[in-house]
Amino acid sequence: MAIVFSRRKLTAWCIAAFAGFAAVASAQAQNLDGPLTLVVGYAPGGSTDRMARLIAERLSPKLGVAVTVENRPGEGGRLAAKQIKRATAAENILMLGNPAVMLIAPLVIKDAGYDPDKDFVPVSQVSSYDFALAVGNKLQLDRAMFLVGRLWAHPEEAVFGVPATGSLPHFFGLMVGDALSVQPQIKGYGGSAPLSADLSGGSLPIAIDTLDSLYAQHVAGKIRILAVSGKKRASFAPSVPTFREAGMKIDADGWNTFFAPSSMPQPKVQLLATKIREVMQDPGLQKAADALYITPVVSTAAETAQMLKAYRQQWEPVVRRSGFAP
């Protein structure tokens, strides 16, 4: 016997079915289908690694799945980027990247092995960090204006030590040189540790590095940080003025941002962006990050994309004008 539905009953059934499908889709959108891996392209112990681990332990309960941090060091972080770009749509994986990997390397290396715009999707910025201008005690300077006067009188002394050539501090050093109307010689080191050792030991008079890398020695009195690059003073270093406060019209920062491979479905990207933003609003995480000299950032996916666009407009001309090639 044929079953005949009235138009009213058929409409009601369709509405109910659609509501059921929407509920299932909504439930799926609030959960991942498996564990999540946060990849860091550096060895354990650095600021990027520490930030990833702070987030992982708080993100897991929000997603209802295990969240682990995996270190894939090599090629200054580029190895991880080249591996992650090949991830399939089914993989739950994010990379915590920085400007060295996602901006500078593709500009100065002929074939970096990945395209930041085509191979990745920005998910959420989670931290920012300042750069610092520091001097050794041998110079006996406690204000940036005194250093400026000295370099104007003796421009040959404008030798800036940086943790590595081609690093963000390298290019920020060139920005500082432009602001001071001097042409600095950039002296690259094999990392922040040897740079700090030479600075505190007296064989290097001037250094530019990230604030978190120099601050402990500043507190110990082994070096003096004269200025920081943020638009405002760092919360953990309130006594150190900004470059603008010191009379130099310059500000800049670095960042750590989560990127998804471009193969990841957009609903999953949005879910991760939302949950990471919730984690970054946690006062406990913010306090823990502050203790590590890291400035946490709360950002949406759209805000992160806009930040990256503005960041490239600021830094790309500096990098290209330098003519640097590894």
Foldseek 3Di string as FASTA:
>chain_A
DDDDDDPVRVVVVVVVVVVVVVVVVVVPLQAAPAEAEEEEQADPDDLLNVLQVLLQVVLCVSRVYHYYYDYNYDPNSLVVVLVQLPDAQNHRYKYWDKCLRQPQCVQFPVCSNDHNVQFKAFQWWWFKFKKFKKFFCVVVDAAPVVVLVVCVVPVVLQEEEEQAPSDPQNLVSCVVCVQSVGGHHYDYHPGLVVVQVCRLVPVRTMYMYICLSCVVCCVVVSMHTHAIQAPADQPLCNPHHHVVVSPGPGHDMMTITMIHTPNHDPSNSQSVSVSSLVSSVDPVSQVVCVVSVIHTDRDGSVRVVVVVVVNCVVRVVSSVVVVDHD
